[in-house]
Amino acid sequence: MPGVVNTLVVRRYFTFATGLVECLCFAGAVFGWASLEFILKSEGYFQSLCFNTTGANATQVLDCSGQDEQFSLVFTIASFMNNFLTLPNGFLFDKFGTTVARLFGLSLYTMGTLMLAFSIPALSNLLFPALSSLAVGGILLLITNMQVGNLFGSRRSTIITLYNGAFDSSSALFFVIKLLYESGIPLRASFLFISACTAIHLLRTFFLLPRKSIPYPLPEGYTYGITCGKSESVSSEQTTENTPSTIQETPLEKDISVKQEKSFRECFLSRFFLWHLVWLSVMQLRHYLFIGNLNPMLQRLTEGEPSLVSQYINAFAITQLFGVLCAPWNGLIMDRHKGKPRAAGESEQEADLRASVLSLSLTALQCVLFSVCASTPFLPLQYLTFVLQVINRSFLYGGNAAFISVAFPSCHFGKLYGLVMALSAVVSLLQYPCFALVNGPLNGDPLYVNIFLTLLSLLAFIHPLSVYLHCRTLVSKRAQSSASS
């Protein structure tokens, strides 16, 4: 019936729009750490680690390297937990579905915001569990929202990358809190308001998302969510053999036989997954080290001028808002072949892989350029660094999710996405030793660490090369098969 179809279309677009707002305003707030750190320093968190020391001209200088190191550790642990716990979260999502995963994530997120609201300088160590809870809860909101891309078949990668871009842009939430703080709004009031917004997330969980998951490819007449407390998962126009509950549990049986799907173990041990892990890990490490040490870097380049440090932190936070605009371009690159005739014998997955080569290569190139700018100790150049950082970060995480969705069976998406994030989190732990190395043996000079990270970023080019060679091999095999027949 036309009325039912129109209702489904409206619901899908409303689900997409509200999911975008959720990711944009809440999910990735933890990566606005530089703005929050500025507030916490002003409030006196970890102030006891600062001490007076004698400077070069026998003048008394306040040494706060211990305070900076502790703040760096807070972000290191939070970013590690954000990625590492994505693995069990992915299994939780695949096993129990959307509702259970979101309720767990929202519990953590609200607990984190409440701990931040009621923390005080005397309880500075409360920042460790607070920021970690905020990070883990936020990534669960993203994981449960990315499946919305399945509702828009031909634009699936674009939707996934758009949500990841919104996740990146949500780091500006702490920038908004910083502006409110400078206007006289207490930090506690801001975080209590964010905690109260959990009620909106709960309504969306029950009314605009499925209890289990959204299948791909999407079955005809697929419905989800509840209205006025009654489930809409069964349509009167569907037969008993084709109920949505059956579709959700076995979404691929209609078109693809189970034998054609790779097992989780085969996916994990594949060349694609291993090189994709390297691709993500080296670039993520560069970003985490930059975000976690942005305050100390600006302190060094501005010679400790607070107003100038605040100006550059604000500039960095403002650029993060544009992540949601940058990310869809990566999705469009991956979806550009949709609707066009494919080569003879080429499957949709092969076309998706071929389209991903340009996306993966551009992301690696952006990271190298970003790393070179970040390594240059010239203060005005950091404006360009901020721009390159937000573009590259949007391409990185959007491309990561989109590649996993096209290269592997959708039934393993949650587990593989969680696994690659968890393993890359182990690599990201190197950010703290790098910070300690700069503050210790290198006497505050990050030049050698920056050179090392820039060279390490070059490893990211191996992944797109591997995918390109795989696609070339498939083309050659088809050509030989055609010639022999």
Protein backbone atom coordinates (compact mmCIF):
# COMPACT_ATOMS: atom_id res chain seq x y z
CA MET A 1 0.00 0.00 0.00
CA PRO A 2 1.31 3.49 -0.89
CA GLY A 3 0.51 4.84 2.58
CA VAL A 4 2.55 2.12 4.30
CA VAL A 5 5.46 2.62 1.89
CA ASN A 6 5.44 6.38 2.50
CA THR A 7 5.43 5.82 6.25
CA LEU A 8 8.43 3.50 5.97
CA VAL A 9 10.34 6.03 3.85
CA VAL A 10 9.62 8.86 6.30
CA ARG A 11 10.68 6.69 9.23
CA ARG A 12 13.94 5.74 7.51
CA TYR A 13 14.86 9.36 6.82
CA PHE A 14 13.87 10.36 10.36
CA THR A 15 16.02 7.53 11.72
CA PHE A 16 18.93 8.75 9.59
CA ALA A 17 18.50 12.42 10.64
CA THR A 18 18.19 11.71 14.37
CA GLY A 19 21.14 9.31 14.22
CA LEU A 20 23.21 12.02 12.56
CA VAL A 21 22.32 14.49 15.33
CA GLU A 22 23.15 11.87 17.97
CA CYS A 23 26.60 11.19 16.51
CA LEU A 24 27.21 14.89 15.84
CA CYS A 25 26.36 16.15 19.32
CA PHE A 26 27.36 13.33 21.66
CA ALA A 27 29.17 10.21 20.44
CA GLY A 28 32.79 11.35 19.98
CA ALA A 29 32.98 14.09 22.62
CA VAL A 30 36.08 12.53 24.18
CA PHE A 31 38.22 13.66 21.22
CA GLY A 32 37.59 17.28 22.13
CA TRP A 33 39.97 16.61 25.00
CA ALA A 34 42.14 19.67 24.27
CA SER A 35 39.24 22.02 25.11
CA LEU A 36 38.28 20.14 28.27
CA GLU A 37 41.91 19.93 29.40
CA PHE A 38 42.16 23.73 29.17
CA ILE A 39 39.15 24.05 31.54
CA LEU A 40 40.46 21.41 33.94
CA LYS A 41 43.82 23.15 34.16
CA SER A 42 42.03 26.41 34.95
CA GLU A 43 40.08 24.59 37.68
CA GLY A 44 43.31 23.25 39.21
CA TYR A 45 43.08 19.53 38.44
CA PHE A 46 46.41 17.77 39.15
CA GLN A 47 47.75 21.16 40.28
CA SER A 48 49.74 19.46 43.05
CA LEU A 49 52.08 18.04 40.40
CA CYS A 50 53.32 21.56 39.50
CA PHE A 51 56.36 22.89 41.37
CA ASN A 52 58.69 25.88 41.26
CA THR A 53 62.07 25.40 39.64
CA THR A 54 65.01 27.62 38.74
CA GLY A 55 65.09 28.82 35.14
CA ALA A 56 68.01 29.66 32.85
CA ASN A 57 68.42 33.19 34.28
CA ALA A 58 68.10 32.12 37.93
CA THR A 59 64.39 33.03 37.84
CA GLN A 60 61.63 30.99 39.43
CA VAL A 61 59.62 29.06 36.84
CA LEU A 62 56.53 26.92 37.46
CA ASP A 63 57.20 23.44 36.07
CA CYS A 64 53.93 21.65 35.24
CA SER A 65 55.37 18.80 33.17
CA GLY A 66 54.03 16.33 35.76
CA GLN A 67 50.55 17.79 35.37
CA ASP A 68 50.79 17.59 31.55
CA GLU A 69 51.97 13.98 31.79
CA GLN A 70 49.00 13.06 33.99
CA PHE A 71 46.52 14.69 31.60
CA SER A 72 48.21 12.86 28.72
CA LEU A 73 47.75 9.59 30.61
CA VAL A 74 44.03 10.30 31.12
CA PHE A 75 43.54 10.73 27.37
CA THR A 76 45.79 7.77 26.50
CA ILE A 77 43.74 5.42 28.68
CA ALA A 78 40.42 6.82 27.45
CA SER A 79 41.37 6.56 23.77
CA PHE A 80 42.69 3.03 24.38
CA MET A 81 39.46 1.98 26.09
CA ASN A 82 37.45 3.63 23.30
CA ASN A 83 39.07 1.36 20.74
CA PHE A 84 40.01 -1.77 22.67
CA LEU A 85 36.55 -2.33 24.17
CA THR A 86 35.05 -1.98 20.70
CA LEU A 87 35.89 -5.69 20.31
CA PRO A 88 33.58 -6.98 23.09
CA ASN A 89 31.11 -4.26 22.13
CA GLY A 90 31.09 -5.59 18.56
CA PHE A 91 30.39 -9.12 19.83
CA LEU A 92 27.68 -7.70 22.12
CA PHE A 93 26.03 -5.95 19.17
CA ASP A 94 26.22 -8.99 16.87
CA LYS A 95 24.99 -11.39 19.57
CA PHE A 96 22.28 -9.42 21.40
CA GLY A 97 21.35 -6.70 18.94
CA THR A 98 20.82 -2.97 18.93
CA THR A 99 18.66 -2.46 22.01
CA VAL A 100 20.93 -4.31 24.45
CA ALA A 101 24.08 -2.69 23.03
CA ARG A 102 22.61 0.82 23.22
CA LEU A 103 21.28 0.38 26.76
CA PHE A 104 24.73 -0.72 27.87
CA GLY A 105 26.40 2.15 25.99
CA LEU A 106 24.00 4.76 27.34
CA SER A 107 24.58 3.51 30.89
CA LEU A 108 28.32 4.01 30.50
CA TYR A 109 27.92 7.37 28.76
CA THR A 110 25.63 8.75 31.46
CA MET A 111 27.87 7.42 34.22
CA GLY A 112 30.84 9.21 32.60
CA THR A 113 29.04 12.56 32.29
CA LEU A 114 27.82 12.34 35.90
CA MET A 115 31.34 11.60 37.18
CA LEU A 116 32.65 14.62 35.24
CA ALA A 117 29.80 16.75 36.63
CA PHE A 118 30.59 15.89 40.26
CA SER A 119 34.39 15.69 40.01
CA ILE A 120 36.50 18.27 41.86
CA PRO A 121 40.26 19.06 41.82
CA ALA A 122 40.68 17.10 45.06
CA LEU A 123 39.34 14.05 43.21
CA SER A 124 41.32 14.54 39.99
CA ASN A 125 41.79 10.79 39.57
CA LEU A 126 38.04 10.52 38.93
CA LEU A 127 38.87 11.78 35.42
CA PHE A 128 40.27 8.34 34.52
CA PRO A 129 37.04 6.31 34.85
CA ALA A 130 34.89 9.28 33.76
CA LEU A 131 36.58 9.89 30.42
CA SER A 132 36.94 6.16 29.73
CA SER A 133 33.20 5.57 30.35
CA LEU A 134 32.37 8.51 28.10
CA ALA A 135 34.60 7.11 25.35
CA VAL A 136 33.26 3.53 25.46
CA GLY A 137 29.63 4.65 25.63
CA GLY A 138 30.16 7.04 22.72
CA ILE A 139 31.66 4.44 20.39
CA LEU A 140 28.68 2.14 21.08
CA LEU A 141 26.35 4.90 19.91
CA LEU A 142 28.35 5.06 16.67
CA ILE A 143 28.40 1.27 16.16
CA THR A 144 24.64 0.97 16.56
CA ASN A 145 24.02 3.91 14.21
CA MET A 146 26.25 2.79 11.33
CA GLN A 147 23.79 0.02 10.42
CA VAL A 148 21.37 2.76 9.30
CA GLY A 149 23.41 2.83 6.08
CA ASN A 150 21.79 -0.52 5.24
CA LEU A 151 18.48 1.31 4.80
CA PHE A 152 19.92 3.30 1.87
CA GLY A 153 21.44 0.53 -0.29
CA SER A 154 23.22 2.44 -3.08
CA ARG A 155 24.44 5.14 -0.67
CA ARG A 156 25.47 2.76 2.08
CA SER A 157 29.15 3.79 2.22
CA THR A 158 28.23 7.48 2.08
CA ILE A 159 25.92 7.14 5.10
CA ILE A 160 28.53 5.16 7.06
CA THR A 161 31.25 7.72 6.38
CA LEU A 162 28.85 10.58 7.16
CA TYR A 163 28.11 9.11 10.57
CA ASN A 164 31.82 8.67 11.24
CA GLY A 165 32.38 12.28 10.21
CA ALA A 166 29.64 13.35 12.62
CA PHE A 167 31.36 11.28 15.32
CA ASP A 168 34.57 13.25 14.69
CA SER A 169 32.74 16.58 14.69
CA SER A 170 31.15 15.82 18.05
CA SER A 171 34.55 16.51 19.60
CA ALA A 172 33.42 20.16 19.36
CA LEU A 173 31.03 19.46 22.26
CA PHE A 174 33.83 20.16 24.73
CA PHE A 175 34.59 23.36 22.81
CA VAL A 176 30.98 24.49 23.37
CA ILE A 177 31.37 23.62 27.06
CA LYS A 178 34.59 25.68 27.11
CA LEU A 179 32.79 28.71 25.63
CA LEU A 180 29.97 28.31 28.17
CA TYR A 181 32.52 28.00 30.96
CA GLU A 182 34.22 31.23 29.87
CA SER A 183 30.76 32.85 29.84
CA GLY A 184 30.15 31.89 33.46
CA ILE A 185 28.26 28.58 33.09
CA PRO A 186 29.68 26.06 35.60
CA LEU A 187 31.21 22.86 34.27
CA ARG A 188 28.81 20.86 36.45
CA ALA A 189 25.72 22.42 34.87
CA SER A 190 26.91 21.54 31.35
CA PHE A 191 27.52 17.90 32.15
CA LEU A 192 24.26 17.54 34.08
CA PHE A 193 22.43 18.77 30.97
CA ILE A 194 24.25 16.23 28.79
CA SER A 195 23.31 13.51 31.29
CA ALA A 196 19.64 14.52 31.05
CA CYS A 197 19.76 14.11 27.26
CA THR A 198 20.00 10.35 27.82
CA ALA A 199 16.19 10.33 27.89
CA ILE A 200 16.17 11.38 24.21
CA HIS A 201 18.61 8.60 23.31
CA LEU A 202 16.38 6.06 25.07
CA LEU A 203 13.30 7.17 23.12
CA ARG A 204 15.23 6.82 19.87
CA THR A 205 16.44 3.35 20.92
CA PHE A 206 12.92 1.99 21.30
CA PHE A 207 11.04 3.88 18.58
CA LEU A 208 13.51 4.46 15.73
CA LEU A 209 15.89 1.48 15.79
CA PRO A 210 15.39 -2.30 15.49
CA ARG A 211 15.60 -4.61 18.46
CA LYS A 212 18.20 -6.77 16.69
CA SER A 213 19.88 -5.28 13.60
CA ILE A 214 19.14 -3.90 10.14
CA PRO A 215 19.93 -6.58 7.51
CA TYR A 216 21.78 -6.03 4.24
CA PRO A 217 20.66 -6.38 1.52
CA LEU A 218 17.39 -4.95 2.81
CA PRO A 219 14.34 -7.24 2.34
CA GLU A 220 11.22 -5.80 0.71
CA GLY A 221 8.78 -4.27 3.20
CA TYR A 222 11.28 -4.40 6.06
CA THR A 223 10.01 -2.59 9.19
CA TYR A 224 11.51 -1.85 12.60
CA GLY A 225 10.85 0.02 15.85
CA ILE A 226 7.64 0.25 17.86
CA THR A 227 4.68 2.60 17.83
CA CYS A 228 2.54 3.23 20.92
CA GLY A 229 4.10 0.20 22.60
CA LYS A 230 3.17 -2.28 19.84
CA SER A 231 5.72 -3.94 17.62
CA GLU A 232 5.66 -3.19 13.90
CA SER A 233 7.90 -6.08 13.06
CA VAL A 234 5.09 -8.07 11.40
CA SER A 235 3.31 -6.73 8.34
CA SER A 236 -0.05 -8.04 7.18
CA GLU A 237 1.24 -8.11 3.62
CA GLN A 238 4.09 -10.48 4.44
CA THR A 239 3.78 -14.24 4.46
CA THR A 240 4.55 -16.42 7.41
CA GLU A 241 7.72 -17.65 5.75
CA ASN A 242 9.04 -14.12 5.28
CA THR A 243 8.47 -12.33 8.60
CA PRO A 244 10.91 -9.58 9.53
CA SER A 245 12.03 -11.52 12.59
CA THR A 246 13.15 -14.33 10.32
CA ILE A 247 14.77 -11.81 8.01
CA GLN A 248 16.70 -10.23 10.86
CA GLU A 249 18.05 -13.52 12.09
CA THR A 250 19.00 -14.83 8.64
CA PRO A 251 19.18 -11.73 6.39
CA LEU A 252 21.37 -13.23 3.71
CA GLU A 253 19.67 -16.57 3.13
CA LYS A 254 17.43 -15.10 0.46
CA ASP A 255 20.23 -14.21 -1.93
CA ILE A 256 23.48 -15.75 -0.74
CA SER A 257 24.08 -19.27 0.38
CA VAL A 258 25.86 -19.87 3.66
CA LYS A 259 28.64 -21.70 1.85
CA GLN A 260 29.61 -18.56 -0.03
CA GLU A 261 30.29 -16.61 3.16
CA LYS A 262 33.70 -16.59 4.77
CA SER A 263 33.97 -17.60 8.41
CA PHE A 264 35.06 -15.05 11.00
CA ARG A 265 38.42 -16.83 11.32
CA GLU A 266 39.01 -16.65 7.55
CA CYS A 267 38.22 -12.94 7.55
CA PHE A 268 40.53 -12.27 10.49
CA LEU A 269 43.46 -14.16 8.93
CA SER A 270 43.00 -12.66 5.48
CA ARG A 271 45.57 -10.35 3.89
CA PHE A 272 42.94 -7.63 3.58
CA PHE A 273 42.28 -7.54 7.31
CA LEU A 274 45.94 -7.61 8.37
CA TRP A 275 47.01 -4.79 6.04
CA HIS A 276 43.89 -2.85 6.94
CA LEU A 277 44.94 -3.14 10.58
CA VAL A 278 48.36 -1.68 9.76
CA TRP A 279 46.71 1.08 7.69
CA LEU A 280 44.47 2.12 10.59
CA SER A 281 47.00 1.67 13.40
CA VAL A 282 49.83 3.85 12.11
CA MET A 283 47.55 6.75 11.21
CA GLN A 284 45.51 6.50 14.39
CA LEU A 285 48.68 6.63 16.49
CA ARG A 286 49.67 9.86 14.74
CA HIS A 287 46.28 11.44 15.45
CA TYR A 288 46.09 10.35 19.08
CA LEU A 289 49.57 11.65 19.86
CA PHE A 290 48.68 14.98 18.23
CA ILE A 291 45.37 15.39 20.12
CA GLY A 292 46.73 14.19 23.45
CA ASN A 293 49.71 16.55 23.32
CA LEU A 294 48.14 19.55 21.63
CA ASN A 295 48.14 21.62 24.82
CA PRO A 296 51.84 21.05 25.67
CA MET A 297 52.79 21.66 22.01
CA LEU A 298 50.94 24.99 21.95
CA GLN A 299 52.43 25.91 25.33
CA ARG A 300 55.87 25.39 23.83
CA LEU A 301 55.20 27.23 20.54
CA THR A 302 53.48 30.21 22.24
CA GLU A 303 56.01 30.32 25.09
CA GLY A 304 53.20 29.78 27.57
CA GLU A 305 50.95 32.71 26.61
CA PRO A 306 47.49 31.61 27.93
CA SER A 307 45.40 33.80 25.61
CA LEU A 308 47.29 32.59 22.55
CA VAL A 309 47.00 28.96 23.65
CA SER A 310 43.24 29.44 24.11
CA GLN A 311 42.99 31.04 20.65
CA TYR A 312 44.64 28.07 18.93
CA ILE A 313 42.65 25.52 20.94
CA ASN A 314 39.46 27.30 19.86
CA ALA A 315 40.64 27.25 16.25
CA PHE A 316 41.33 23.51 16.52
CA ALA A 317 37.90 22.87 18.03
CA ILE A 318 36.13 24.91 15.35
CA THR A 319 37.81 22.94 12.55
CA GLN A 320 36.48 19.73 14.14
CA LEU A 321 32.95 20.89 13.33
CA PHE A 322 33.70 20.43 9.63
CA GLY A 323 34.44 16.71 9.97
CA VAL A 324 30.81 15.94 9.15
CA LEU A 325 31.21 17.84 5.86
CA CYS A 326 34.51 16.15 4.92
CA ALA A 327 33.55 12.53 5.60
CA PRO A 328 30.80 12.11 2.95
CA TRP A 329 33.31 12.85 0.19
CA ASN A 330 35.08 9.65 1.12
CA GLY A 331 31.79 7.75 0.95
CA LEU A 332 31.02 9.28 -2.43
CA ILE A 333 34.42 8.12 -3.68
CA MET A 334 33.59 4.57 -2.60
CA ASP A 335 30.04 4.71 -3.95
CA ARG A 336 30.88 6.42 -7.25
CA HIS A 337 30.45 3.20 -9.26
CA LYS A 338 26.91 2.60 -7.94
CA GLY A 339 24.31 2.80 -10.67
CA LYS A 340 26.93 2.43 -13.39
CA PRO A 341 27.30 -0.74 -15.47
CA ARG A 342 30.01 -3.00 -14.11
CA ALA A 343 32.63 -4.83 -16.14
CA ALA A 344 31.62 -8.19 -17.56
CA GLY A 345 31.68 -10.80 -14.81
CA GLU A 346 32.47 -8.27 -12.07
CA SER A 347 30.51 -8.68 -8.84
CA GLU A 348 29.29 -5.79 -6.70
CA GLN A 349 31.86 -6.60 -4.01
CA GLU A 350 34.69 -6.49 -6.56
CA ALA A 351 33.45 -3.11 -7.78
CA ASP A 352 33.35 -1.89 -4.17
CA LEU A 353 36.92 -3.06 -3.58
CA ARG A 354 38.12 -1.39 -6.77
CA ALA A 355 36.47 1.86 -5.69
CA SER A 356 38.11 1.65 -2.24
CA VAL A 357 41.66 1.87 -3.64
CA LEU A 358 41.43 5.61 -4.28
CA SER A 359 39.85 6.23 -0.88
CA LEU A 360 42.55 4.28 1.00
CA SER A 361 45.36 5.98 -0.95
CA LEU A 362 44.02 9.50 -0.44
CA THR A 363 43.68 8.86 3.29
CA ALA A 364 47.30 7.72 3.57
CA LEU A 365 48.52 10.74 1.59
CA GLN A 366 46.53 13.13 3.79
CA CYS A 367 48.08 11.61 6.90
CA VAL A 368 51.63 12.12 5.62
CA LEU A 369 50.91 15.77 4.80
CA PHE A 370 49.25 16.28 8.19
CA SER A 371 52.21 14.70 9.98
CA VAL A 372 54.73 16.89 8.14
CA CYS A 373 52.81 20.07 9.10
CA ALA A 374 52.38 18.91 12.71
CA SER A 375 56.12 18.25 12.91
CA THR A 376 57.06 21.78 11.77
CA PRO A 377 57.62 24.08 14.81
CA PHE A 378 56.01 27.14 13.17
CA LEU A 379 52.96 28.40 15.05
CA PRO A 380 50.86 29.93 12.19
CA LEU A 381 51.30 26.70 10.19
CA GLN A 382 49.26 24.89 12.82
CA TYR A 383 46.09 26.36 11.33
CA LEU A 384 46.80 24.28 8.21
CA THR A 385 47.65 21.34 10.46
CA PHE A 386 44.21 21.57 12.07
CA VAL A 387 42.51 21.55 8.66
CA LEU A 388 44.50 18.56 7.41
CA GLN A 389 43.90 16.74 10.69
CA VAL A 390 40.11 17.00 10.55
CA ILE A 391 40.00 16.01 6.86
CA ASN A 392 42.27 13.03 7.41
CA ARG A 393 40.53 11.90 10.58
CA SER A 394 37.15 12.00 8.81
CA PHE A 395 38.51 9.97 5.89
CA LEU A 396 40.29 7.56 8.24
CA TYR A 397 37.41 6.37 10.41
CA GLY A 398 34.74 6.62 7.73
CA GLY A 399 36.96 4.69 5.32
CA ASN A 400 37.74 2.12 8.01
CA ALA A 401 34.08 1.25 8.62
CA ALA A 402 33.15 1.44 4.93
CA PHE A 403 35.99 -0.87 3.86
CA ILE A 404 35.08 -3.50 6.46
CA SER A 405 31.44 -3.34 5.33
CA VAL A 406 32.32 -4.00 1.67
CA ALA A 407 35.28 -6.38 2.03
CA PHE A 408 33.72 -8.85 4.49
CA PRO A 409 30.28 -10.42 5.11
CA SER A 410 27.87 -8.12 6.96
CA CYS A 411 27.18 -10.80 9.59
CA HIS A 412 30.76 -10.30 10.85
CA PHE A 413 30.78 -6.49 10.70
CA GLY A 414 30.45 -5.86 14.45
CA LYS A 415 33.11 -8.41 15.37
CA LEU A 416 35.61 -7.36 12.68
CA TYR A 417 35.08 -3.64 13.33
CA GLY A 418 35.57 -4.25 17.04
CA LEU A 419 38.63 -6.41 16.46
CA VAL A 420 40.44 -3.96 14.19
CA MET A 421 39.70 -1.12 16.62
CA ALA A 422 40.86 -3.19 19.59
CA LEU A 423 44.14 -4.25 17.98
CA SER A 424 44.84 -0.73 16.75
CA ALA A 425 44.22 0.47 20.32
CA VAL A 426 47.16 -1.63 21.51
CA VAL A 427 49.38 0.23 19.02
CA SER A 428 47.93 3.57 20.18
CA LEU A 429 49.34 2.92 23.66
CA LEU A 430 52.71 3.98 22.20
CA GLN A 431 51.54 7.58 22.49
CA TYR A 432 52.32 7.68 26.21
CA PRO A 433 55.92 6.36 25.88
CA CYS A 434 56.41 8.87 23.05
CA PHE A 435 55.21 11.67 25.31
CA ALA A 436 57.48 10.48 28.15
CA LEU A 437 60.41 10.25 25.71
CA VAL A 438 59.90 13.85 24.57
CA ASN A 439 59.58 15.17 28.13
CA GLY A 440 62.49 13.08 29.38
CA PRO A 441 65.57 12.17 27.30
CA LEU A 442 64.69 14.56 24.45
CA ASN A 443 64.28 17.56 26.82
CA GLY A 444 60.97 18.67 25.33
CA ASP A 445 62.12 18.50 21.70
CA PRO A 446 59.66 16.29 19.71
CA LEU A 447 61.59 16.50 16.39
CA TYR A 448 62.88 12.91 16.32
CA VAL A 449 59.56 11.44 17.46
CA ASN A 450 57.73 13.44 14.77
CA ILE A 451 60.15 12.26 12.07
CA PHE A 452 59.64 8.65 13.19
CA LEU A 453 55.84 8.99 13.12
CA THR A 454 55.91 10.57 9.66
CA LEU A 455 58.02 7.72 8.29
CA LEU A 456 55.77 5.20 10.04
CA SER A 457 52.75 6.75 8.29
CA LEU A 458 54.22 5.69 4.93
CA LEU A 459 53.35 2.07 5.82
CA ALA A 460 49.69 2.99 5.25
CA PHE A 461 50.27 2.97 1.48
CA ILE A 462 50.80 -0.81 1.50
CA HIS A 463 47.11 -1.50 2.09
CA PRO A 464 45.68 0.29 -1.00
CA LEU A 465 48.50 -1.25 -3.06
CA SER A 466 47.49 -4.71 -1.83
CA VAL A 467 43.81 -4.10 -2.72
CA TYR A 468 44.81 -2.73 -6.15
CA LEU A 469 46.93 -5.81 -6.94
CA HIS A 470 44.06 -8.06 -5.82
CA CYS A 471 41.67 -6.29 -8.20
CA ARG A 472 44.18 -6.53 -11.04
CA THR A 473 44.52 -10.26 -10.40
CA LEU A 474 40.75 -10.72 -10.60
CA VAL A 475 40.62 -8.81 -13.89
CA SER A 476 43.41 -10.97 -15.33
CA LYS A 477 41.65 -14.16 -14.28
CA ARG A 478 38.40 -13.05 -15.92
CA ALA A 479 40.27 -12.14 -19.12
CA GLN A 480 41.96 -15.56 -19.23
CA SER A 481 38.65 -17.30 -18.53
CA SER A 482 36.97 -15.40 -21.36
CA ALA A 483 39.80 -16.18 -23.77
CA SER A 484 39.75 -19.90 -22.96
CA SER A 485 35.96 -20.08 -23.43
